Amino acid sequence: MAIGCVVLVSTCAFAAHAQPPSLAEIAERERERRATIAKTSKVYTNDDLHQGRRLTTGRSIPEVETDSEHFADEPGTTTDAVEPEPTADGNHDESFWRDRIESARENLRRANLMVAALQNRVDGLWAEFTARDDPFQRAKIEEDRTEALGELQATQAEIEHLEAEIGNIQEEARRASVPPGWLR
């Protein structure tokens, strides 16, 4: 009986100790994490999707011709970084290569998120289109859907461009005899 009581008390003590963190602790950790982030980013909400505005990353997207229309972001909004000068022996250092590949991968990650958001918008517009009976409303929804499809195609073209850019960086680094660890 005494052994059973000891086991019961130790099990209860362990269970109390092994509980997940409280919501307040999680919120405090999130506040600390957000305070360390230097660059703010755009958060897309359902309101952005329902208002029918173009969802953009704020970066230049290569132009893609679709149905005789061109879709691109505003001119002059590029994220091209200025490359640092090579060292005296003509090679770049580790931070140059790491920054370059990380920047390209981050741009690819953002473009992939944008494709997912745009695909969600296109799907939502299609569902809304099929639910309407009014021809005028359907025409407006189809117009918005066509615009979203164009931007989706432009963003997919940007993904292809970024994947090629990452391959070019890797090939350039290989030719420059850069250690593989610098690009991981």
C-alpha atoms as a PDB file:
ATOM      1  CA  MET A   1       0.000   0.000   0.000  1.00  0.00           C
ATOM      2  CA  ALA A   2       2.803   2.397   0.919  1.00  0.00           C
ATOM      3  CA  ILE A   3       4.591   1.627  -2.351  1.00  0.00           C
ATOM      4  CA  GLY A   4       1.384   2.321  -4.261  1.00  0.00           C
ATOM      5  CA  CYS A   5       1.032   5.715  -2.541  1.00  0.00           C
ATOM      6  CA  VAL A   6       4.653   6.615  -3.365  1.00  0.00           C
ATOM      7  CA  VAL A   7       4.144   5.633  -7.018  1.00  0.00           C
ATOM      8  CA  LEU A   8       0.900   7.619  -7.185  1.00  0.00           C
ATOM      9  CA  VAL A   9       2.465  10.746  -5.648  1.00  0.00           C
ATOM     10  CA  SER A  10       5.552  10.548  -7.902  1.00  0.00           C
ATOM     11  CA  THR A  11       3.377  10.045 -11.003  1.00  0.00           C
ATOM     12  CA  CYS A  12       1.259  13.080 -10.109  1.00  0.00           C
ATOM     13  CA  ALA A  13       4.378  15.166  -9.452  1.00  0.00           C
ATOM     14  CA  PHE A  14       5.886  14.091 -12.785  1.00  0.00           C
ATOM     15  CA  ALA A  15       2.646  14.817 -14.656  1.00  0.00           C
ATOM     16  CA  ALA A  16       2.429  18.287 -13.100  1.00  0.00           C
ATOM     17  CA  HIS A  17       6.047  18.981 -14.044  1.00  0.00           C
ATOM     18  CA  ALA A  18       5.675  17.706 -17.636  1.00  0.00           C
ATOM     19  CA  GLN A  19       2.778  20.021 -18.599  1.00  0.00           C
ATOM     20  CA  PRO A  20       3.230  22.135 -21.722  1.00  0.00           C
ATOM     21  CA  PRO A  21       4.026  25.825 -21.280  1.00  0.00           C
ATOM     22  CA  SER A  22       1.109  28.123 -20.565  1.00  0.00           C
ATOM     23  CA  LEU A  23      -0.320  30.474 -23.151  1.00  0.00           C
ATOM     24  CA  ALA A  24       1.211  33.435 -21.308  1.00  0.00           C
ATOM     25  CA  GLU A  25       4.685  31.874 -21.535  1.00  0.00           C
ATOM     26  CA  ILE A  26       4.250  31.196 -25.241  1.00  0.00           C
ATOM     27  CA  ALA A  27       3.044  34.766 -25.827  1.00  0.00           C
ATOM     28  CA  GLU A  28       6.043  36.162 -23.938  1.00  0.00           C
ATOM     29  CA  ARG A  29       8.452  34.065 -26.023  1.00  0.00           C
ATOM     30  CA  GLU A  30       6.732  35.250 -29.215  1.00  0.00           C
ATOM     31  CA  ARG A  31       7.037  38.901 -28.100  1.00  0.00           C
ATOM     32  CA  GLU A  32      10.756  38.372 -27.477  1.00  0.00           C
ATOM     33  CA  ARG A  33      11.195  36.671 -30.851  1.00  0.00           C
ATOM     34  CA  ARG A  34       9.394  39.463 -32.683  1.00  0.00           C
ATOM     35  CA  ALA A  35      11.483  42.084 -30.890  1.00  0.00           C
ATOM     36  CA  THR A  36      14.629  40.521 -32.348  1.00  0.00           C
ATOM     37  CA  ILE A  37      13.328  40.667 -35.924  1.00  0.00           C
ATOM     38  CA  ALA A  38      14.848  43.709 -37.606  1.00  0.00           C
ATOM     39  CA  LYS A  39      12.854  43.677 -40.847  1.00  0.00           C
ATOM     40  CA  THR A  40       9.068  43.820 -40.918  1.00  0.00           C
ATOM     41  CA  SER A  41       7.113  41.861 -43.450  1.00  0.00           C
ATOM     42  CA  LYS A  42       3.672  42.178 -44.992  1.00  0.00           C
ATOM     43  CA  VAL A  43       1.021  39.942 -43.481  1.00  0.00           C
ATOM     44  CA  TYR A  44      -1.816  39.046 -45.828  1.00  0.00           C
ATOM     45  CA  THR A  45      -5.239  38.653 -44.306  1.00  0.00           C
ATOM     46  CA  ASN A  46      -8.587  37.503 -45.622  1.00  0.00           C
ATOM     47  CA  ASP A  47      -9.544  41.181 -46.025  1.00  0.00           C
ATOM     48  CA  ASP A  48      -6.711  41.574 -48.554  1.00  0.00           C
ATOM     49  CA  LEU A  49      -8.107  38.664 -50.530  1.00  0.00           C
ATOM     50  CA  HIS A  50     -11.723  39.866 -50.436  1.00  0.00           C
ATOM     51  CA  GLN A  51     -10.888  43.424 -51.483  1.00  0.00           C
ATOM     52  CA  GLY A  52      -9.545  42.134 -54.782  1.00  0.00           C
ATOM     53  CA  ARG A  53      -6.237  43.990 -54.647  1.00  0.00           C
ATOM     54  CA  ARG A  54      -3.158  42.522 -56.255  1.00  0.00           C
ATOM     55  CA  LEU A  55      -1.082  40.576 -53.788  1.00  0.00           C
ATOM     56  CA  THR A  56       2.527  41.560 -54.324  1.00  0.00           C
ATOM     57  CA  THR A  57       5.814  40.935 -52.612  1.00  0.00           C
ATOM     58  CA  GLY A  58       7.006  44.471 -53.264  1.00  0.00           C
ATOM     59  CA  ARG A  59       9.764  43.136 -55.510  1.00  0.00           C
ATOM     60  CA  SER A  60      10.154  43.192 -59.224  1.00  0.00           C
ATOM     61  CA  ILE A  61       8.618  40.193 -60.973  1.00  0.00           C
ATOM     62  CA  PRO A  62       9.789  39.240 -64.452  1.00  0.00           C
ATOM     63  CA  GLU A  63       7.180  40.080 -67.031  1.00  0.00           C
ATOM     64  CA  VAL A  64       5.224  37.154 -68.437  1.00  0.00           C
ATOM     65  CA  GLU A  65       2.874  37.506 -71.392  1.00  0.00           C
ATOM     66  CA  THR A  66      -0.556  36.023 -70.777  1.00  0.00           C
ATOM     67  CA  ASP A  67      -3.572  36.742 -72.958  1.00  0.00           C
ATOM     68  CA  SER A  68      -1.824  39.806 -74.416  1.00  0.00           C
ATOM     69  CA  GLU A  69      -1.443  41.354 -70.972  1.00  0.00           C
ATOM     70  CA  HIS A  70       1.773  41.964 -69.076  1.00  0.00           C
ATOM     71  CA  PHE A  71       1.877  41.612 -65.317  1.00  0.00           C
ATOM     72  CA  ALA A  72       4.714  43.099 -63.273  1.00  0.00           C
ATOM     73  CA  ASP A  73       5.202  45.083 -60.114  1.00  0.00           C
ATOM     74  CA  GLU A  74       5.905  48.758 -60.070  1.00  0.00           C
ATOM     75  CA  PRO A  75       9.116  49.750 -61.855  1.00  0.00           C
ATOM     76  CA  GLY A  76      12.121  50.544 -59.732  1.00  0.00           C
ATOM     77  CA  THR A  77      11.290  48.141 -56.900  1.00  0.00           C
ATOM     78  CA  THR A  78      14.086  45.641 -57.182  1.00  0.00           C
ATOM     79  CA  THR A  79      15.987  43.847 -54.480  1.00  0.00           C
ATOM     80  CA  ASP A  80      19.273  43.541 -56.328  1.00  0.00           C
ATOM     81  CA  ALA A  81      22.064  43.811 -53.793  1.00  0.00           C
ATOM     82  CA  VAL A  82      25.333  45.531 -54.520  1.00  0.00           C
ATOM     83  CA  GLU A  83      28.067  42.917 -54.640  1.00  0.00           C
ATOM     84  CA  PRO A  84      31.106  43.644 -52.480  1.00  0.00           C
ATOM     85  CA  GLU A  85      34.449  43.964 -54.194  1.00  0.00           C
ATOM     86  CA  PRO A  86      36.536  40.786 -54.324  1.00  0.00           C
ATOM     87  CA  THR A  87      39.539  40.488 -52.046  1.00  0.00           C
ATOM     88  CA  ALA A  88      43.062  41.231 -53.262  1.00  0.00           C
ATOM     89  CA  ASP A  89      43.471  37.715 -54.710  1.00  0.00           C
ATOM     90  CA  GLY A  90      40.210  38.068 -56.714  1.00  0.00           C
ATOM     91  CA  ASN A  91      38.072  35.784 -54.512  1.00  0.00           C
ATOM     92  CA  HIS A  92      35.134  36.569 -52.268  1.00  0.00           C
ATOM     93  CA  ASP A  93      35.024  35.602 -48.614  1.00  0.00           C
ATOM     94  CA  GLU A  94      32.673  33.193 -46.853  1.00  0.00           C
ATOM     95  CA  SER A  95      30.182  35.869 -45.757  1.00  0.00           C
ATOM     96  CA  PHE A  96      29.754  36.993 -49.395  1.00  0.00           C
ATOM     97  CA  TRP A  97      28.835  33.489 -50.543  1.00  0.00           C
ATOM     98  CA  ARG A  98      26.615  32.756 -47.522  1.00  0.00           C
ATOM     99  CA  ASP A  99      24.735  36.050 -47.878  1.00  0.00           C
ATOM    100  CA  ARG A 100      24.294  35.570 -51.596  1.00  0.00           C
ATOM    101  CA  ILE A 101      22.874  32.036 -51.413  1.00  0.00           C
ATOM    102  CA  GLU A 102      20.735  32.825 -48.337  1.00  0.00           C
ATOM    103  CA  SER A 103      19.266  35.862 -50.095  1.00  0.00           C
ATOM    104  CA  ALA A 104      18.384  33.798 -53.172  1.00  0.00           C
ATOM    105  CA  ARG A 105      16.862  31.030 -51.037  1.00  0.00           C
ATOM    106  CA  GLU A 106      14.844  33.535 -48.991  1.00  0.00           C
ATOM    107  CA  ASN A 107      13.490  35.107 -52.181  1.00  0.00           C
ATOM    108  CA  LEU A 108      12.540  31.625 -53.415  1.00  0.00           C
ATOM    109  CA  ARG A 109      10.808  30.842 -50.119  1.00  0.00           C
ATOM    110  CA  ARG A 110       8.802  34.087 -50.322  1.00  0.00           C
ATOM    111  CA  ALA A 111       7.856  33.435 -53.929  1.00  0.00           C
ATOM    112  CA  ASN A 112       6.635  29.940 -52.999  1.00  0.00           C
ATOM    113  CA  LEU A 113       4.503  31.417 -50.202  1.00  0.00           C
ATOM    114  CA  MET A 114       3.137  33.960 -52.648  1.00  0.00           C
ATOM    115  CA  VAL A 115       2.207  31.202 -55.106  1.00  0.00           C
ATOM    116  CA  ALA A 116       0.323  29.402 -52.341  1.00  0.00           C
ATOM    117  CA  ALA A 117      -1.547  32.597 -51.409  1.00  0.00           C
ATOM    118  CA  LEU A 118      -2.376  33.401 -55.018  1.00  0.00           C
ATOM    119  CA  GLN A 119      -3.555  29.844 -55.681  1.00  0.00           C
ATOM    120  CA  ASN A 120      -5.786  30.137 -52.627  1.00  0.00           C
ATOM    121  CA  ARG A 121      -7.195  33.396 -54.006  1.00  0.00           C
ATOM    122  CA  VAL A 122      -7.810  31.851 -57.435  1.00  0.00           C
ATOM    123  CA  ASP A 123      -9.570  28.868 -55.859  1.00  0.00           C
ATOM    124  CA  GLY A 124     -11.693  31.152 -53.679  1.00  0.00           C
ATOM    125  CA  LEU A 125     -12.670  33.277 -56.658  1.00  0.00           C
ATOM    126  CA  TRP A 126     -13.625  30.164 -58.615  1.00  0.00           C
ATOM    127  CA  ALA A 127     -15.847  28.988 -55.762  1.00  0.00           C
ATOM    128  CA  GLU A 128     -17.411  32.443 -55.551  1.00  0.00           C
ATOM    129  CA  PHE A 129     -17.898  32.510 -59.342  1.00  0.00           C
ATOM    130  CA  THR A 130     -19.745  29.184 -59.361  1.00  0.00           C
ATOM    131  CA  ALA A 131     -21.944  30.263 -56.437  1.00  0.00           C
ATOM    132  CA  ARG A 132     -23.274  33.392 -58.195  1.00  0.00           C
ATOM    133  CA  ASP A 133     -26.232  33.615 -60.542  1.00  0.00           C
ATOM    134  CA  ASP A 134     -25.987  37.299 -61.456  1.00  0.00           C
ATOM    135  CA  PRO A 135     -24.101  37.664 -64.769  1.00  0.00           C
ATOM    136  CA  PHE A 136     -22.672  41.064 -63.768  1.00  0.00           C
ATOM    137  CA  GLN A 137     -21.247  39.711 -60.498  1.00  0.00           C
ATOM    138  CA  ARG A 138     -19.875  36.655 -62.293  1.00  0.00           C
ATOM    139  CA  ALA A 139     -18.169  38.879 -64.879  1.00  0.00           C
ATOM    140  CA  LYS A 140     -16.488  40.953 -62.142  1.00  0.00           C
ATOM    141  CA  ILE A 141     -15.378  37.846 -60.282  1.00  0.00           C
ATOM    142  CA  GLU A 142     -14.015  36.293 -63.488  1.00  0.00           C
ATOM    143  CA  GLU A 143     -12.097  39.501 -64.192  1.00  0.00           C
ATOM    144  CA  ASP A 144     -10.527  39.355 -60.712  1.00  0.00           C
ATOM    145  CA  ARG A 145      -9.784  35.666 -61.167  1.00  0.00           C
ATOM    146  CA  THR A 146      -8.086  36.272 -64.530  1.00  0.00           C
ATOM    147  CA  GLU A 147      -5.941  38.987 -62.960  1.00  0.00           C
ATOM    148  CA  ALA A 148      -4.996  36.688 -60.071  1.00  0.00           C
ATOM    149  CA  LEU A 149      -4.147  33.910 -62.554  1.00  0.00           C
ATOM    150  CA  GLY A 150      -1.852  36.299 -64.421  1.00  0.00           C
ATOM    151  CA  GLU A 151      -0.052  37.244 -61.249  1.00  0.00           C
ATOM    152  CA  LEU A 152       0.144  33.571 -60.284  1.00  0.00           C
ATOM    153  CA  GLN A 153       1.822  32.777 -63.605  1.00  0.00           C
ATOM    154  CA  ALA A 154       4.228  35.701 -63.166  1.00  0.00           C
ATOM    155  CA  THR A 155       5.162  34.510 -59.680  1.00  0.00           C
ATOM    156  CA  GLN A 156       5.667  30.956 -60.968  1.00  0.00           C
ATOM    157  CA  ALA A 157       7.993  32.389 -63.628  1.00  0.00           C
ATOM    158  CA  GLU A 158       9.844  34.219 -60.856  1.00  0.00           C
ATOM    159  CA  ILE A 159      10.246  30.898 -59.011  1.00  0.00           C
ATOM    160  CA  GLU A 160      11.792  29.332 -62.107  1.00  0.00           C
ATOM    161  CA  HIS A 161      14.119  32.323 -62.399  1.00  0.00           C
ATOM    162  CA  LEU A 162      15.123  32.081 -58.722  1.00  0.00           C
ATOM    163  CA  GLU A 163      15.751  28.335 -58.968  1.00  0.00           C
ATOM    164  CA  ALA A 164      17.992  28.972 -61.981  1.00  0.00           C
ATOM    165  CA  GLU A 165      19.743  31.764 -60.050  1.00  0.00           C
ATOM    166  CA  ILE A 166      20.453  29.407 -57.143  1.00  0.00           C
ATOM    167  CA  GLY A 167      21.873  26.863 -59.594  1.00  0.00           C
ATOM    168  CA  ASN A 168      24.039  29.580 -61.162  1.00  0.00           C
ATOM    169  CA  ILE A 169      25.340  30.658 -57.749  1.00  0.00           C
ATOM    170  CA  GLN A 170      26.202  27.059 -56.912  1.00  0.00           C
ATOM    171  CA  GLU A 171      27.948  26.564 -60.258  1.00  0.00           C
ATOM    172  CA  GLU A 172      29.847  29.845 -59.902  1.00  0.00           C
ATOM    173  CA  ALA A 173      30.930  28.845 -56.402  1.00  0.00           C
ATOM    174  CA  ARG A 174      32.054  25.436 -57.664  1.00  0.00           C
ATOM    175  CA  ARG A 175      34.168  27.078 -60.368  1.00  0.00           C
ATOM    176  CA  ALA A 176      35.655  29.464 -57.785  1.00  0.00           C
ATOM    177  CA  SER A 177      36.571  26.445 -55.596  1.00  0.00           C
ATOM    178  CA  VAL A 178      34.372  27.635 -52.757  1.00  0.00           C
ATOM    179  CA  PRO A 179      34.055  25.073 -49.964  1.00  0.00           C
ATOM    180  CA  PRO A 180      30.593  23.439 -50.116  1.00  0.00           C
ATOM    181  CA  GLY A 181      29.898  24.319 -46.470  1.00  0.00           C
ATOM    182  CA  TRP A 182      29.765  28.001 -47.367  1.00  0.00           C
ATOM    183  CA  LEU A 183      26.613  27.448 -49.435  1.00  0.00           C
ATOM    184  CA  ARG A 184      24.658  25.372 -46.932  1.00  0.00           C
END
